[in-house]
Amino acid sequence: MTDKTKAEQALELWREWFGWDGDPTYVDEMYGDLRCFFCGEILLDKPYEHAPNCIFIRAKQLVDSLED
């Protein structure tokens, strides 16, 4: 059994989930658009512009602040 907090466990899961490239995008099968899995925004050019309230961006900001 581990003594890690829920926040530490969540951070580990986040890193595991997005460890490959850190970008939750997929290609829309109907139109071929690149979209964010979380907010559904069409992502055209990097840096991608997610919806202002995109949960991925909010979570990423929180994780990034914990790593500093």
PDB file of N, CA and C in Angstrom:
ATOM      1  N   MET A   1       0.848  -1.192   0.000  1.00  0.00           N
ATOM      2  CA  MET A   1       0.000   0.000   0.000  1.00  0.00           C
ATOM      3  C   MET A   1       0.884   1.242   0.000  1.00  0.00           C
ATOM      4  N   THR A   2       0.442   2.257  -0.650  1.00  0.00           N
ATOM      5  CA  THR A   2       1.221   3.487  -0.778  1.00  0.00           C
ATOM      6  C   THR A   2       0.622   4.599   0.079  1.00  0.00           C
ATOM      7  N   ASP A   3       1.472   5.502   0.483  1.00  0.00           N
ATOM      8  CA  ASP A   3       1.029   6.635   1.290  1.00  0.00           C
ATOM      9  C   ASP A   3       0.869   7.900   0.459  1.00  0.00           C
ATOM     10  N   LYS A   4       0.801   7.765  -0.844  1.00  0.00           N
ATOM     11  CA  LYS A   4       0.660   8.931  -1.715  1.00  0.00           C
ATOM     12  C   LYS A   4      -0.716   9.552  -1.546  1.00  0.00           C
ATOM     13  N   THR A   5      -0.731  10.874  -1.617  1.00  0.00           N
ATOM     14  CA  THR A   5      -2.004  11.578  -1.546  1.00  0.00           C
ATOM     15  C   THR A   5      -2.772  11.384  -2.842  1.00  0.00           C
ATOM     16  N   LYS A   6      -4.029  11.711  -2.810  1.00  0.00           N
ATOM     17  CA  LYS A   6      -4.842  11.628  -4.021  1.00  0.00           C
ATOM     18  C   LYS A   6      -4.308  12.566  -5.093  1.00  0.00           C
ATOM     19  N   ALA A   7      -3.820  13.721  -4.690  1.00  0.00           N
ATOM     20  CA  ALA A   7      -3.261  14.674  -5.651  1.00  0.00           C
ATOM     21  C   ALA A   7      -2.023  14.087  -6.325  1.00  0.00           C
ATOM     22  N   GLU A   8      -1.165  13.427  -5.554  1.00  0.00           N
ATOM     23  CA  GLU A   8       0.026  12.805  -6.124  1.00  0.00           C
ATOM     24  C   GLU A   8      -0.353  11.676  -7.072  1.00  0.00           C
ATOM     25  N   GLN A   9      -1.345  10.891  -6.699  1.00  0.00           N
ATOM     26  CA  GLN A   9      -1.810   9.802  -7.551  1.00  0.00           C
ATOM     27  C   GLN A   9      -2.410  10.358  -8.847  1.00  0.00           C
ATOM     28  N   ALA A  10      -3.191  11.431  -8.721  1.00  0.00           N
ATOM     29  CA  ALA A  10      -3.798  12.054  -9.900  1.00  0.00           C
ATOM     30  C   ALA A  10      -2.716  12.608 -10.828  1.00  0.00           C
ATOM     31  N   LEU A  11      -1.691  13.212 -10.251  1.00  0.00           N
ATOM     32  CA  LEU A  11      -0.601  13.757 -11.052  1.00  0.00           C
ATOM     33  C   LEU A  11       0.127  12.641 -11.801  1.00  0.00           C
ATOM     34  N   GLU A  12       0.345  11.514 -11.146  1.00  0.00           N
ATOM     35  CA  GLU A  12       0.985  10.374 -11.809  1.00  0.00           C
ATOM     36  C   GLU A  12       0.128   9.863 -12.962  1.00  0.00           C
ATOM     37  N   LEU A  13      -1.183   9.783 -12.742  1.00  0.00           N
ATOM     38  CA  LEU A  13      -2.082   9.338 -13.811  1.00  0.00           C
ATOM     39  C   LEU A  13      -2.066  10.320 -14.968  1.00  0.00           C
ATOM     40  N   TRP A  14      -2.061  11.600 -14.659  1.00  0.00           N
ATOM     41  CA  TRP A  14      -2.007  12.630 -15.703  1.00  0.00           C
ATOM     42  C   TRP A  14      -0.758  12.429 -16.554  1.00  0.00           C
ATOM     43  N   ARG A  15       0.377  12.278 -15.898  1.00  0.00           N
ATOM     44  CA  ARG A  15       1.633  12.108 -16.628  1.00  0.00           C
ATOM     45  C   ARG A  15       1.621  10.843 -17.472  1.00  0.00           C
ATOM     46  N   GLU A  16       1.039   9.783 -16.933  1.00  0.00           N
ATOM     47  CA  GLU A  16       0.951   8.533 -17.686  1.00  0.00           C
ATOM     48  C   GLU A  16       0.031   8.688 -18.899  1.00  0.00           C
ATOM     49  N   TRP A  17      -1.118   9.337 -18.695  1.00  0.00           N
ATOM     50  CA  TRP A  17      -2.095   9.489 -19.753  1.00  0.00           C
ATOM     51  C   TRP A  17      -1.571  10.354 -20.892  1.00  0.00           C
ATOM     52  N   PHE A  18      -0.963  11.473 -20.537  1.00  0.00           N
ATOM     53  CA  PHE A  18      -0.501  12.416 -21.545  1.00  0.00           C
ATOM     54  C   PHE A  18       1.009  12.402 -21.739  1.00  0.00           C
ATOM     55  N   GLY A  19       1.656  11.361 -21.260  1.00  0.00           N
ATOM     56  CA  GLY A  19       3.109  11.282 -21.339  1.00  0.00           C
ATOM     57  C   GLY A  19       3.656  11.223 -22.738  1.00  0.00           C
ATOM     58  N   TRP A  20       2.897  10.661 -23.659  1.00  0.00           N
ATOM     59  CA  TRP A  20       3.411  10.479 -25.003  1.00  0.00           C
ATOM     60  C   TRP A  20       3.657  11.823 -25.684  1.00  0.00           C
ATOM     61  N   ASP A  21       2.629  12.643 -25.781  1.00  0.00           N
ATOM     62  CA  ASP A  21       2.838  13.955 -26.399  1.00  0.00           C
ATOM     63  C   ASP A  21       2.096  15.081 -25.688  1.00  0.00           C
ATOM     64  N   GLY A  22       1.310  14.755 -24.684  1.00  0.00           N
ATOM     65  CA  GLY A  22       0.646  15.777 -23.886  1.00  0.00           C
ATOM     66  C   GLY A  22      -0.476  16.507 -24.583  1.00  0.00           C
ATOM     67  N   ASP A  23      -1.002  15.947 -25.649  1.00  0.00           N
ATOM     68  CA  ASP A  23      -2.011  16.655 -26.424  1.00  0.00           C
ATOM     69  C   ASP A  23      -3.211  15.743 -26.682  1.00  0.00           C
ATOM     70  N   PRO A  24      -4.383  16.069 -26.115  1.00  0.00           N
ATOM     71  CA  PRO A  24      -5.557  15.200 -26.240  1.00  0.00           C
ATOM     72  C   PRO A  24      -6.377  15.474 -27.501  1.00  0.00           C
ATOM     73  N   THR A  25      -5.734  15.372 -28.645  1.00  0.00           N
ATOM     74  CA  THR A  25      -6.439  15.680 -29.887  1.00  0.00           C
ATOM     75  C   THR A  25      -6.797  14.405 -30.637  1.00  0.00           C
ATOM     76  N   TYR A  26      -7.779  14.532 -31.477  1.00  0.00           N
ATOM     77  CA  TYR A  26      -8.168  13.434 -32.350  1.00  0.00           C
ATOM     78  C   TYR A  26      -8.647  14.016 -33.667  1.00  0.00           C
ATOM     79  N   VAL A  27      -8.692  13.180 -34.679  1.00  0.00           N
ATOM     80  CA  VAL A  27      -9.157  13.617 -35.994  1.00  0.00           C
ATOM     81  C   VAL A  27     -10.622  13.244 -36.133  1.00  0.00           C
ATOM     82  N   ASP A  28     -11.455  14.246 -36.406  1.00  0.00           N
ATOM     83  CA  ASP A  28     -12.879  14.045 -36.629  1.00  0.00           C
ATOM     84  C   ASP A  28     -13.043  13.182 -37.871  1.00  0.00           C
ATOM     85  N   GLU A  29     -13.692  12.033 -37.724  1.00  0.00           N
ATOM     86  CA  GLU A  29     -13.808  11.095 -38.849  1.00  0.00           C
ATOM     87  C   GLU A  29     -14.652  11.638 -39.993  1.00  0.00           C
ATOM     88  N   MET A  30     -15.631  12.463 -39.693  1.00  0.00           N
ATOM     89  CA  MET A  30     -16.512  12.958 -40.748  1.00  0.00           C
ATOM     90  C   MET A  30     -15.844  14.037 -41.603  1.00  0.00           C
ATOM     91  N   TYR A  31     -15.195  14.995 -40.951  1.00  0.00           N
ATOM     92  CA  TYR A  31     -14.638  16.137 -41.689  1.00  0.00           C
ATOM     93  C   TYR A  31     -13.111  16.170 -41.716  1.00  0.00           C
ATOM     94  N   GLY A  32     -12.467  15.333 -40.909  1.00  0.00           N
ATOM     95  CA  GLY A  32     -11.011  15.298 -40.873  1.00  0.00           C
ATOM     96  C   GLY A  32     -10.383  16.418 -40.072  1.00  0.00           C
ATOM     97  N   ASP A  33     -11.201  17.133 -39.274  1.00  0.00           N
ATOM     98  CA  ASP A  33     -10.675  18.227 -38.454  1.00  0.00           C
ATOM     99  C   ASP A  33      -9.976  17.669 -37.221  1.00  0.00           C
ATOM    100  N   LEU A  34      -8.923  18.346 -36.803  1.00  0.00           N
ATOM    101  CA  LEU A  34      -8.247  18.023 -35.559  1.00  0.00           C
ATOM    102  C   LEU A  34      -9.017  18.703 -34.438  1.00  0.00           C
ATOM    103  N   ARG A  35      -9.465  17.926 -33.448  1.00  0.00           N
ATOM    104  CA  ARG A  35     -10.284  18.460 -32.358  1.00  0.00           C
ATOM    105  C   ARG A  35      -9.719  18.076 -31.006  1.00  0.00           C
ATOM    106  N   CYS A  36     -10.044  18.885 -30.008  1.00  0.00           N
ATOM    107  CA  CYS A  36      -9.712  18.577 -28.623  1.00  0.00           C
ATOM    108  C   CYS A  36     -10.769  17.622 -28.081  1.00  0.00           C
ATOM    109  N   PHE A  37     -10.329  16.536 -27.478  1.00  0.00           N
ATOM    110  CA  PHE A  37     -11.235  15.562 -26.893  1.00  0.00           C
ATOM    111  C   PHE A  37     -12.100  16.192 -25.797  1.00  0.00           C
ATOM    112  N   PHE A  38     -11.561  17.151 -25.057  1.00  0.00           N
ATOM    113  CA  PHE A  38     -12.255  17.716 -23.904  1.00  0.00           C
ATOM    114  C   PHE A  38     -13.198  18.855 -24.245  1.00  0.00           C
ATOM    115  N   CYS A  39     -12.747  19.813 -25.048  1.00  0.00           N
ATOM    116  CA  CYS A  39     -13.604  20.969 -25.322  1.00  0.00           C
ATOM    117  C   CYS A  39     -14.270  20.912 -26.694  1.00  0.00           C
ATOM    118  N   GLY A  40     -13.788  20.034 -27.580  1.00  0.00           N
ATOM    119  CA  GLY A  40     -14.395  19.883 -28.892  1.00  0.00           C
ATOM    120  C   GLY A  40     -14.003  20.940 -29.900  1.00  0.00           C
ATOM    121  N   GLU A  41     -13.141  21.878 -29.505  1.00  0.00           N
ATOM    122  CA  GLU A  41     -12.721  22.933 -30.424  1.00  0.00           C
ATOM    123  C   GLU A  41     -11.934  22.356 -31.593  1.00  0.00           C
ATOM    124  N   ILE A  42     -12.110  22.937 -32.772  1.00  0.00           N
ATOM    125  CA  ILE A  42     -11.294  22.585 -33.922  1.00  0.00           C
ATOM    126  C   ILE A  42      -9.947  23.278 -33.738  1.00  0.00           C
ATOM    127  N   LEU A  43      -8.886  22.502 -33.795  1.00  0.00           N
ATOM    128  CA  LEU A  43      -7.550  23.018 -33.557  1.00  0.00           C
ATOM    129  C   LEU A  43      -6.825  23.109 -34.887  1.00  0.00           C
ATOM    130  N   LEU A  44      -6.574  24.329 -35.324  1.00  0.00           N
ATOM    131  CA  LEU A  44      -6.019  24.534 -36.653  1.00  0.00           C
ATOM    132  C   LEU A  44      -4.494  24.623 -36.672  1.00  0.00           C
ATOM    133  N   ASP A  45      -3.929  25.525 -35.926  1.00  0.00           N
ATOM    134  CA  ASP A  45      -2.489  25.749 -35.945  1.00  0.00           C
ATOM    135  C   ASP A  45      -1.946  25.755 -34.531  1.00  0.00           C
ATOM    136  N   LYS A  46      -0.699  25.286 -34.406  1.00  0.00           N
ATOM    137  CA  LYS A  46      -0.053  25.374 -33.089  1.00  0.00           C
ATOM    138  C   LYS A  46       0.425  26.796 -32.893  1.00  0.00           C
ATOM    139  N   PRO A  47       0.322  27.406 -31.746  1.00  0.00           N
ATOM    140  CA  PRO A  47      -0.274  26.786 -30.567  1.00  0.00           C
ATOM    141  C   PRO A  47      -1.794  26.687 -30.720  1.00  0.00           C
ATOM    142  N   TYR A  48      -2.314  25.545 -30.394  1.00  0.00           N
ATOM    143  CA  TYR A  48      -3.745  25.318 -30.521  1.00  0.00           C
ATOM    144  C   TYR A  48      -4.531  26.225 -29.591  1.00  0.00           C
ATOM    145  N   GLU A  49      -5.705  26.633 -30.042  1.00  0.00           N
ATOM    146  CA  GLU A  49      -6.565  27.484 -29.228  1.00  0.00           C
ATOM    147  C   GLU A  49      -7.764  26.671 -28.764  1.00  0.00           C
ATOM    148  N   HIS A  50      -7.700  26.243 -27.516  1.00  0.00           N
ATOM    149  CA  HIS A  50      -8.795  25.509 -26.901  1.00  0.00           C
ATOM    150  C   HIS A  50      -9.861  26.502 -26.429  1.00  0.00           C
ATOM    151  N   ALA A  51     -11.022  25.982 -26.105  1.00  0.00           N
ATOM    152  CA  ALA A  51     -12.078  26.821 -25.527  1.00  0.00           C
ATOM    153  C   ALA A  51     -11.556  27.408 -24.214  1.00  0.00           C
ATOM    154  N   PRO A  52     -12.002  28.628 -23.859  1.00  0.00           N
ATOM    155  CA  PRO A  52     -11.507  29.273 -22.641  1.00  0.00           C
ATOM    156  C   PRO A  52     -11.705  28.430 -21.377  1.00  0.00           C
ATOM    157  N   ASN A  53     -12.739  27.634 -21.328  1.00  0.00           N
ATOM    158  CA  ASN A  53     -13.006  26.845 -20.126  1.00  0.00           C
ATOM    159  C   ASN A  53     -12.622  25.372 -20.304  1.00  0.00           C
ATOM    160  N   CYS A  54     -11.764  25.062 -21.268  1.00  0.00           N
ATOM    161  CA  CYS A  54     -11.374  23.675 -21.550  1.00  0.00           C
ATOM    162  C   CYS A  54     -10.762  23.041 -20.307  1.00  0.00           C
ATOM    163  N   ILE A  55     -11.321  21.929 -19.889  1.00  0.00           N
ATOM    164  CA  ILE A  55     -10.838  21.271 -18.681  1.00  0.00           C
ATOM    165  C   ILE A  55      -9.410  20.766 -18.852  1.00  0.00           C
ATOM    166  N   PHE A  56      -9.032  20.395 -20.066  1.00  0.00           N
ATOM    167  CA  PHE A  56      -7.650  19.965 -20.305  1.00  0.00           C
ATOM    168  C   PHE A  56      -6.678  21.094 -20.001  1.00  0.00           C
ATOM    169  N   ILE A  57      -6.964  22.287 -20.495  1.00  0.00           N
ATOM    170  CA  ILE A  57      -6.078  23.438 -20.274  1.00  0.00           C
ATOM    171  C   ILE A  57      -6.029  23.791 -18.790  1.00  0.00           C
ATOM    172  N   ARG A  58      -7.174  23.785 -18.136  1.00  0.00           N
ATOM    173  CA  ARG A  58      -7.192  24.103 -16.698  1.00  0.00           C
ATOM    174  C   ARG A  58      -6.398  23.077 -15.906  1.00  0.00           C
ATOM    175  N   ALA A  59      -6.556  21.797 -16.228  1.00  0.00           N
ATOM    176  CA  ALA A  59      -5.817  20.751 -15.528  1.00  0.00           C
ATOM    177  C   ALA A  59      -4.324  20.845 -15.833  1.00  0.00           C
ATOM    178  N   LYS A  60      -3.981  21.120 -17.089  1.00  0.00           N
ATOM    179  CA  LYS A  60      -2.574  21.245 -17.467  1.00  0.00           C
ATOM    180  C   LYS A  60      -1.912  22.406 -16.724  1.00  0.00           C
ATOM    181  N   GLN A  61      -2.613  23.506 -16.589  1.00  0.00           N
ATOM    182  CA  GLN A  61      -2.071  24.651 -15.854  1.00  0.00           C
ATOM    183  C   GLN A  61      -1.820  24.274 -14.394  1.00  0.00           C
ATOM    184  N   LEU A  62      -2.737  23.517 -13.812  1.00  0.00           N
ATOM    185  CA  LEU A  62      -2.569  23.089 -12.427  1.00  0.00           C
ATOM    186  C   LEU A  62      -1.364  22.151 -12.295  1.00  0.00           C
ATOM    187  N   VAL A  63      -1.267  21.187 -13.187  1.00  0.00           N
ATOM    188  CA  VAL A  63      -0.122  20.253 -13.153  1.00  0.00           C
ATOM    189  C   VAL A  63       1.178  21.009 -13.360  1.00  0.00           C
ATOM    190  N   ASP A  64       1.212  21.907 -14.312  1.00  0.00           N
ATOM    191  CA  ASP A  64       2.417  22.685 -14.567  1.00  0.00           C
ATOM    192  C   ASP A  64       2.817  23.501 -13.346  1.00  0.00           C
ATOM    193  N   SER A  65       1.841  24.046 -12.631  1.00  0.00           N
ATOM    194  CA  SER A  65       2.160  24.847 -11.446  1.00  0.00           C
ATOM    195  C   SER A  65       2.716  23.971 -10.319  1.00  0.00           C
ATOM    196  N   LEU A  66       2.324  22.704 -10.271  1.00  0.00           N
ATOM    197  CA  LEU A  66       2.829  21.789  -9.248  1.00  0.00           C
ATOM    198  C   LEU A  66       4.236  21.337  -9.547  1.00  0.00           C
ATOM    199  N   GLU A  67       4.626  21.355 -10.803  1.00  0.00           N
ATOM    200  CA  GLU A  67       5.943  20.886 -11.193  1.00  0.00           C
ATOM    201  C   GLU A  67       7.017  21.951 -11.049  1.00  0.00           C
ATOM    202  N   ASP A  68       6.633  23.190 -10.875  1.00  0.00           N
ATOM    203  CA  ASP A  68       7.624  24.277 -10.754  1.00  0.00           C
ATOM    204  C   ASP A  68       8.267  24.307  -9.393  1.00  0.00           C
TER     205      ASP A  68
END
